[in-house]
Amino acid sequence: MIQAGTTQSVGISSADDRSAKLQQAIQTNHGEHSRHSDYGDIILVVGSDKTKLLVKSMLLRAASNPFSAMLGPN
């Protein structure tokens, strides 16, 4: 419940928060994820030229609330 006069985050975090989450995720999960895939486990297709980027989902989840929701455990 939200009390009068308080604010609630709606999933938007500051750049510092995202950076801290990213650093924590790397420190916590790097070894585990590196054993399974050295280069990445997701392919992002970006731009008009359809450039393919192989990235680690762990890093996307740590850096972005929308990716965290899409790629999370649920």
PDB file of N, CA and C in Angstrom:
ATOM      1  N   MET A   1       0.836  -1.162   0.000  1.00  0.00           N
ATOM      2  CA  MET A   1       0.000   0.000   0.000  1.00  0.00           C
ATOM      3  C   MET A   1       0.889   1.237   0.000  1.00  0.00           C
ATOM      4  N   ILE A   2       0.500   2.243  -0.765  1.00  0.00           N
ATOM      5  CA  ILE A   2       1.240   3.498  -0.832  1.00  0.00           C
ATOM      6  C   ILE A   2       0.531   4.510   0.049  1.00  0.00           C
ATOM      7  N   GLN A   3       1.286   5.129   0.945  1.00  0.00           N
ATOM      8  CA  GLN A   3       0.711   6.137   1.827  1.00  0.00           C
ATOM      9  C   GLN A   3       0.755   7.496   1.151  1.00  0.00           C
ATOM     10  N   ALA A   4      -0.152   8.368   1.555  1.00  0.00           N
ATOM     11  CA  ALA A   4      -0.179   9.725   1.008  1.00  0.00           C
ATOM     12  C   ALA A   4       1.158  10.402   1.265  1.00  0.00           C
ATOM     13  N   GLY A   5       1.634  11.112   0.258  1.00  0.00           N
ATOM     14  CA  GLY A   5       2.882  11.854   0.411  1.00  0.00           C
ATOM     15  C   GLY A   5       4.124  11.042   0.098  1.00  0.00           C
ATOM     16  N   THR A   6       3.950   9.795  -0.335  1.00  0.00           N
ATOM     17  CA  THR A   6       5.111   8.989  -0.690  1.00  0.00           C
ATOM     18  C   THR A   6       5.099   8.726  -2.184  1.00  0.00           C
ATOM     19  N   THR A   7       6.242   8.327  -2.684  1.00  0.00           N
ATOM     20  CA  THR A   7       6.333   7.985  -4.104  1.00  0.00           C
ATOM     21  C   THR A   7       6.715   6.525  -4.226  1.00  0.00           C
ATOM     22  N   GLN A   8       6.417   5.959  -5.358  1.00  0.00           N
ATOM     23  CA  GLN A   8       6.761   4.569  -5.618  1.00  0.00           C
ATOM     24  C   GLN A   8       7.436   4.479  -6.974  1.00  0.00           C
ATOM     25  N   SER A   9       8.502   3.718  -7.047  1.00  0.00           N
ATOM     26  CA  SER A   9       9.200   3.517  -8.313  1.00  0.00           C
ATOM     27  C   SER A   9       8.329   2.689  -9.244  1.00  0.00           C
ATOM     28  N   VAL A  10       8.349   3.041 -10.514  1.00  0.00           N
ATOM     29  CA  VAL A  10       7.578   2.291 -11.500  1.00  0.00           C
ATOM     30  C   VAL A  10       8.509   1.552 -12.461  1.00  0.00           C
ATOM     31  N   GLY A  11       9.629   1.090 -11.949  1.00  0.00           N
ATOM     32  CA  GLY A  11      10.522   0.309 -12.786  1.00  0.00           C
ATOM     33  C   GLY A  11      11.589   1.128 -13.492  1.00  0.00           C
ATOM     34  N   ILE A  12      11.672   2.406 -13.197  1.00  0.00           N
ATOM     35  CA  ILE A  12      12.693   3.247 -13.810  1.00  0.00           C
ATOM     36  C   ILE A  12      13.784   3.457 -12.773  1.00  0.00           C
ATOM     37  N   SER A  13      14.989   3.051 -13.100  1.00  0.00           N
ATOM     38  CA  SER A  13      16.082   3.232 -12.161  1.00  0.00           C
ATOM     39  C   SER A  13      17.102   4.185 -12.757  1.00  0.00           C
ATOM     40  N   SER A  14      17.865   4.793 -11.880  1.00  0.00           N
ATOM     41  CA  SER A  14      18.875   5.736 -12.341  1.00  0.00           C
ATOM     42  C   SER A  14      20.027   4.986 -12.996  1.00  0.00           C
ATOM     43  N   ALA A  15      20.840   5.717 -13.726  1.00  0.00           N
ATOM     44  CA  ALA A  15      22.008   5.118 -14.381  1.00  0.00           C
ATOM     45  C   ALA A  15      22.944   4.510 -13.342  1.00  0.00           C
ATOM     46  N   ASP A  16      23.083   5.169 -12.184  1.00  0.00           N
ATOM     47  CA  ASP A  16      23.942   4.638 -11.126  1.00  0.00           C
ATOM     48  C   ASP A  16      23.407   3.311 -10.599  1.00  0.00           C
ATOM     49  N   ASP A  17      22.081   3.216 -10.425  1.00  0.00           N
ATOM     50  CA  ASP A  17      21.472   1.965  -9.968  1.00  0.00           C
ATOM     51  C   ASP A  17      21.709   0.851 -10.977  1.00  0.00           C
ATOM     52  N   ARG A  18      21.512   1.152 -12.255  1.00  0.00           N
ATOM     53  CA  ARG A  18      21.718   0.141 -13.298  1.00  0.00           C
ATOM     54  C   ARG A  18      23.176  -0.288 -13.345  1.00  0.00           C
ATOM     55  N   SER A  19      24.084   0.672 -13.198  1.00  0.00           N
ATOM     56  CA  SER A  19      25.509   0.352 -13.211  1.00  0.00           C
ATOM     57  C   SER A  19      25.872  -0.553 -12.035  1.00  0.00           C
ATOM     58  N   ALA A  20      25.343  -0.248 -10.867  1.00  0.00           N
ATOM     59  CA  ALA A  20      25.612  -1.070  -9.686  1.00  0.00           C
ATOM     60  C   ALA A  20      25.054  -2.477  -9.865  1.00  0.00           C
ATOM     61  N   LYS A  21      23.842  -2.587 -10.424  1.00  0.00           N
ATOM     62  CA  LYS A  21      23.244  -3.902 -10.674  1.00  0.00           C
ATOM     63  C   LYS A  21      24.085  -4.698 -11.668  1.00  0.00           C
ATOM     64  N   LEU A  22      24.547  -4.016 -12.700  1.00  0.00           N
ATOM     65  CA  LEU A  22      25.360  -4.667 -13.721  1.00  0.00           C
ATOM     66  C   LEU A  22      26.653  -5.195 -13.116  1.00  0.00           C
ATOM     67  N   GLN A  23      27.326  -4.374 -12.327  1.00  0.00           N
ATOM     68  CA  GLN A  23      28.569  -4.802 -11.697  1.00  0.00           C
ATOM     69  C   GLN A  23      28.329  -5.984 -10.767  1.00  0.00           C
ATOM     70  N   GLN A  24      27.241  -5.932 -10.000  1.00  0.00           N
ATOM     71  CA  GLN A  24      26.909  -7.027  -9.088  1.00  0.00           C
ATOM     72  C   GLN A  24      26.639  -8.315  -9.865  1.00  0.00           C
ATOM     73  N   ALA A  25      25.885  -8.212 -10.950  1.00  0.00           N
ATOM     74  CA  ALA A  25      25.561  -9.394 -11.751  1.00  0.00           C
ATOM     75  C   ALA A  25      26.816 -10.007 -12.355  1.00  0.00           C
ATOM     76  N   ILE A  26      27.711  -9.167 -12.819  1.00  0.00           N
ATOM     77  CA  ILE A  26      28.957  -9.674 -13.404  1.00  0.00           C
ATOM     78  C   ILE A  26      29.769 -10.406 -12.344  1.00  0.00           C
ATOM     79  N   GLN A  27      29.908  -9.798 -11.171  1.00  0.00           N
ATOM     80  CA  GLN A  27      30.697 -10.414 -10.112  1.00  0.00           C
ATOM     81  C   GLN A  27      30.065 -11.712  -9.627  1.00  0.00           C
ATOM     82  N   THR A  28      28.744 -11.735  -9.526  1.00  0.00           N
ATOM     83  CA  THR A  28      28.041 -12.900  -9.002  1.00  0.00           C
ATOM     84  C   THR A  28      27.960 -14.035 -10.004  1.00  0.00           C
ATOM     85  N   ASN A  29      27.682 -13.725 -11.246  1.00  0.00           N
ATOM     86  CA  ASN A  29      27.338 -14.749 -12.225  1.00  0.00           C
ATOM     87  C   ASN A  29      28.356 -14.988 -13.318  1.00  0.00           C
ATOM     88  N   HIS A  30      29.421 -14.226 -13.371  1.00  0.00           N
ATOM     89  CA  HIS A  30      30.341 -14.329 -14.505  1.00  0.00           C
ATOM     90  C   HIS A  30      30.876 -15.742 -14.698  1.00  0.00           C
ATOM     91  N   GLY A  31      31.369 -16.344 -13.642  1.00  0.00           N
ATOM     92  CA  GLY A  31      31.945 -17.676 -13.773  1.00  0.00           C
ATOM     93  C   GLY A  31      30.944 -18.701 -14.261  1.00  0.00           C
ATOM     94  N   GLU A  32      29.752 -18.686 -13.698  1.00  0.00           N
ATOM     95  CA  GLU A  32      28.711 -19.643 -14.089  1.00  0.00           C
ATOM     96  C   GLU A  32      28.330 -19.474 -15.551  1.00  0.00           C
ATOM     97  N   HIS A  33      28.081 -18.252 -15.972  1.00  0.00           N
ATOM     98  CA  HIS A  33      27.661 -18.016 -17.346  1.00  0.00           C
ATOM     99  C   HIS A  33      28.806 -18.232 -18.332  1.00  0.00           C
ATOM    100  N   SER A  34      30.019 -17.934 -17.920  1.00  0.00           N
ATOM    101  CA  SER A  34      31.152 -18.106 -18.828  1.00  0.00           C
ATOM    102  C   SER A  34      31.375 -19.569 -19.166  1.00  0.00           C
ATOM    103  N   ARG A  35      31.122 -20.453 -18.213  1.00  0.00           N
ATOM    104  CA  ARG A  35      31.300 -21.880 -18.479  1.00  0.00           C
ATOM    105  C   ARG A  35      30.323 -22.368 -19.543  1.00  0.00           C
ATOM    106  N   HIS A  36      29.134 -21.775 -19.572  1.00  0.00           N
ATOM    107  CA  HIS A  36      28.102 -22.233 -20.493  1.00  0.00           C
ATOM    108  C   HIS A  36      28.215 -21.587 -21.871  1.00  0.00           C
ATOM    109  N   SER A  37      28.579 -20.325 -21.909  1.00  0.00           N
ATOM    110  CA  SER A  37      28.665 -19.629 -23.189  1.00  0.00           C
ATOM    111  C   SER A  37      29.631 -18.467 -23.048  1.00  0.00           C
ATOM    112  N   ASP A  38      30.756 -18.583 -23.702  1.00  0.00           N
ATOM    113  CA  ASP A  38      31.762 -17.538 -23.579  1.00  0.00           C
ATOM    114  C   ASP A  38      31.355 -16.229 -24.241  1.00  0.00           C
ATOM    115  N   TYR A  39      30.522 -16.291 -25.249  1.00  0.00           N
ATOM    116  CA  TYR A  39      30.223 -15.089 -26.017  1.00  0.00           C
ATOM    117  C   TYR A  39      28.821 -14.545 -25.815  1.00  0.00           C
ATOM    118  N   GLY A  40      27.881 -15.347 -25.466  1.00  0.00           N
ATOM    119  CA  GLY A  40      26.521 -14.877 -25.252  1.00  0.00           C
ATOM    120  C   GLY A  40      25.511 -15.982 -25.418  1.00  0.00           C
ATOM    121  N   ASP A  41      24.272 -15.673 -25.040  1.00  0.00           N
ATOM    122  CA  ASP A  41      23.212 -16.659 -25.156  1.00  0.00           C
ATOM    123  C   ASP A  41      21.957 -16.086 -25.817  1.00  0.00           C
ATOM    124  N   ILE A  42      22.054 -14.846 -26.295  1.00  0.00           N
ATOM    125  CA  ILE A  42      20.937 -14.198 -26.987  1.00  0.00           C
ATOM    126  C   ILE A  42      21.493 -13.441 -28.189  1.00  0.00           C
ATOM    127  N   ILE A  43      20.773 -13.480 -29.278  1.00  0.00           N
ATOM    128  CA  ILE A  43      21.149 -12.692 -30.454  1.00  0.00           C
ATOM    129  C   ILE A  43      20.161 -11.543 -30.593  1.00  0.00           C
ATOM    130  N   LEU A  44      20.679 -10.316 -30.558  1.00  0.00           N
ATOM    131  CA  LEU A  44      19.867  -9.129 -30.815  1.00  0.00           C
ATOM    132  C   LEU A  44      20.087  -8.733 -32.269  1.00  0.00           C
ATOM    133  N   VAL A  45      19.016  -8.468 -32.973  1.00  0.00           N
ATOM    134  CA  VAL A  45      19.104  -7.991 -34.355  1.00  0.00           C
ATOM    135  C   VAL A  45      18.713  -6.524 -34.327  1.00  0.00           C
ATOM    136  N   VAL A  46      19.658  -5.647 -34.691  1.00  0.00           N
ATOM    137  CA  VAL A  46      19.446  -4.205 -34.533  1.00  0.00           C
ATOM    138  C   VAL A  46      19.737  -3.444 -35.818  1.00  0.00           C
ATOM    139  N   GLY A  47      19.084  -2.307 -35.941  1.00  0.00           N
ATOM    140  CA  GLY A  47      19.351  -1.396 -37.043  1.00  0.00           C
ATOM    141  C   GLY A  47      18.726  -1.814 -38.356  1.00  0.00           C
ATOM    142  N   SER A  48      18.759  -0.870 -39.296  1.00  0.00           N
ATOM    143  CA  SER A  48      18.170  -1.115 -40.614  1.00  0.00           C
ATOM    144  C   SER A  48      18.954  -2.158 -41.404  1.00  0.00           C
ATOM    145  N   ASP A  49      20.238  -2.319 -41.058  1.00  0.00           N
ATOM    146  CA  ASP A  49      21.048  -3.327 -41.752  1.00  0.00           C
ATOM    147  C   ASP A  49      20.985  -4.693 -41.066  1.00  0.00           C
ATOM    148  N   LYS A  50      20.151  -4.803 -40.011  1.00  0.00           N
ATOM    149  CA  LYS A  50      19.918  -6.074 -39.305  1.00  0.00           C
ATOM    150  C   LYS A  50      21.211  -6.673 -38.738  1.00  0.00           C
ATOM    151  N   THR A  51      22.038  -5.823 -38.127  1.00  0.00           N
ATOM    152  CA  THR A  51      23.262  -6.284 -37.489  1.00  0.00           C
ATOM    153  C   THR A  51      22.909  -7.229 -36.350  1.00  0.00           C
ATOM    154  N   LYS A  52      23.600  -8.359 -36.263  1.00  0.00           N
ATOM    155  CA  LYS A  52      23.357  -9.339 -35.209  1.00  0.00           C
ATOM    156  C   LYS A  52      24.423  -9.198 -34.127  1.00  0.00           C
ATOM    157  N   LEU A  53      23.974  -9.082 -32.883  1.00  0.00           N
ATOM    158  CA  LEU A  53      24.862  -8.965 -31.736  1.00  0.00           C
ATOM    159  C   LEU A  53      24.616 -10.138 -30.798  1.00  0.00           C
ATOM    160  N   LEU A  54      25.648 -10.887 -30.480  1.00  0.00           N
ATOM    161  CA  LEU A  54      25.551 -11.980 -29.526  1.00  0.00           C
ATOM    162  C   LEU A  54      25.872 -11.409 -28.150  1.00  0.00           C
ATOM    163  N   VAL A  55      24.917 -11.475 -27.237  1.00  0.00           N
ATOM    164  CA  VAL A  55      25.077 -10.860 -25.921  1.00  0.00           C
ATOM    165  C   VAL A  55      24.680 -11.847 -24.826  1.00  0.00           C
ATOM    166  N   LYS A  56      25.104 -11.538 -23.620  1.00  0.00           N
ATOM    167  CA  LYS A  56      24.739 -12.358 -22.464  1.00  0.00           C
ATOM    168  C   LYS A  56      23.449 -11.815 -21.851  1.00  0.00           C
ATOM    169  N   SER A  57      22.479 -12.685 -21.678  1.00  0.00           N
ATOM    170  CA  SER A  57      21.199 -12.269 -21.102  1.00  0.00           C
ATOM    171  C   SER A  57      21.386 -11.727 -19.690  1.00  0.00           C
ATOM    172  N   MET A  58      22.351 -12.256 -18.957  1.00  0.00           N
ATOM    173  CA  MET A  58      22.626 -11.790 -17.604  1.00  0.00           C
ATOM    174  C   MET A  58      22.942 -10.293 -17.602  1.00  0.00           C
ATOM    175  N   LEU A  59      23.705  -9.844 -18.584  1.00  0.00           N
ATOM    176  CA  LEU A  59      24.063  -8.428 -18.654  1.00  0.00           C
ATOM    177  C   LEU A  59      22.858  -7.577 -19.045  1.00  0.00           C
ATOM    178  N   LEU A  60      22.048  -8.072 -19.970  1.00  0.00           N
ATOM    179  CA  LEU A  60      20.837  -7.340 -20.350  1.00  0.00           C
ATOM    180  C   LEU A  60      19.895  -7.196 -19.165  1.00  0.00           C
ATOM    181  N   ARG A  61      19.713  -8.290 -18.416  1.00  0.00           N
ATOM    182  CA  ARG A  61      18.814  -8.235 -17.254  1.00  0.00           C
ATOM    183  C   ARG A  61      19.311  -7.239 -16.221  1.00  0.00           C
ATOM    184  N   ALA A  62      20.614  -7.204 -15.993  1.00  0.00           N
ATOM    185  CA  ALA A  62      21.175  -6.308 -14.983  1.00  0.00           C
ATOM    186  C   ALA A  62      21.125  -4.849 -15.410  1.00  0.00           C
ATOM    187  N   ALA A  63      21.223  -4.596 -16.703  1.00  0.00           N
ATOM    188  CA  ALA A  63      21.307  -3.220 -17.195  1.00  0.00           C
ATOM    189  C   ALA A  63      19.961  -2.596 -17.521  1.00  0.00           C
ATOM    190  N   SER A  64      18.916  -3.404 -17.673  1.00  0.00           N
ATOM    191  CA  SER A  64      17.656  -2.878 -18.184  1.00  0.00           C
ATOM    192  C   SER A  64      16.458  -3.523 -17.500  1.00  0.00           C
ATOM    193  N   ASN A  65      15.584  -2.698 -16.928  1.00  0.00           N
ATOM    194  CA  ASN A  65      14.370  -3.228 -16.306  1.00  0.00           C
ATOM    195  C   ASN A  65      13.478  -3.956 -17.308  1.00  0.00           C
ATOM    196  N   PRO A  66      13.260  -3.418 -18.516  1.00  0.00           N
ATOM    197  CA  PRO A  66      12.431  -4.164 -19.473  1.00  0.00           C
ATOM    198  C   PRO A  66      13.037  -5.525 -19.845  1.00  0.00           C
ATOM    199  N   PHE A  67      14.353  -5.580 -20.076  1.00  0.00           N
ATOM    200  CA  PHE A  67      14.974  -6.867 -20.384  1.00  0.00           C
ATOM    201  C   PHE A  67      14.923  -7.791 -19.169  1.00  0.00           C
ATOM    202  N   SER A  68      15.058  -7.230 -17.974  1.00  0.00           N
ATOM    203  CA  SER A  68      14.959  -8.043 -16.770  1.00  0.00           C
ATOM    204  C   SER A  68      13.589  -8.704 -16.680  1.00  0.00           C
ATOM    205  N   ALA A  69      12.546  -7.949 -17.002  1.00  0.00           N
ATOM    206  CA  ALA A  69      11.189  -8.505 -16.976  1.00  0.00           C
ATOM    207  C   ALA A  69      11.010  -9.564 -18.064  1.00  0.00           C
ATOM    208  N   MET A  70      11.538  -9.301 -19.242  1.00  0.00           N
ATOM    209  CA  MET A  70      11.374 -10.246 -20.353  1.00  0.00           C
ATOM    210  C   MET A  70      12.194 -11.518 -20.172  1.00  0.00           C
ATOM    211  N   LEU A  71      13.384 -11.390 -19.591  1.00  0.00           N
ATOM    212  CA  LEU A  71      14.312 -12.513 -19.529  1.00  0.00           C
ATOM    213  C   LEU A  71      14.429 -13.127 -18.147  1.00  0.00           C
ATOM    214  N   GLY A  72      13.647 -12.625 -17.201  1.00  0.00           N
ATOM    215  CA  GLY A  72      13.719 -13.110 -15.829  1.00  0.00           C
ATOM    216  C   GLY A  72      13.255 -14.549 -15.683  1.00  0.00           C
ATOM    217  N   PRO A  73      13.311 -15.054 -14.463  1.00  0.00           N
ATOM    218  CA  PRO A  73      13.004 -16.463 -14.223  1.00  0.00           C
ATOM    219  C   PRO A  73      11.542 -16.841 -14.450  1.00  0.00           C
ATOM    220  N   ASN A  74      10.648 -15.888 -14.460  1.00  0.00           N
ATOM    221  CA  ASN A  74       9.223 -16.218 -14.621  1.00  0.00           C
ATOM    222  C   ASN A  74       8.896 -16.203 -16.056  1.00  0.00           C
TER     223      ASN A  74
END
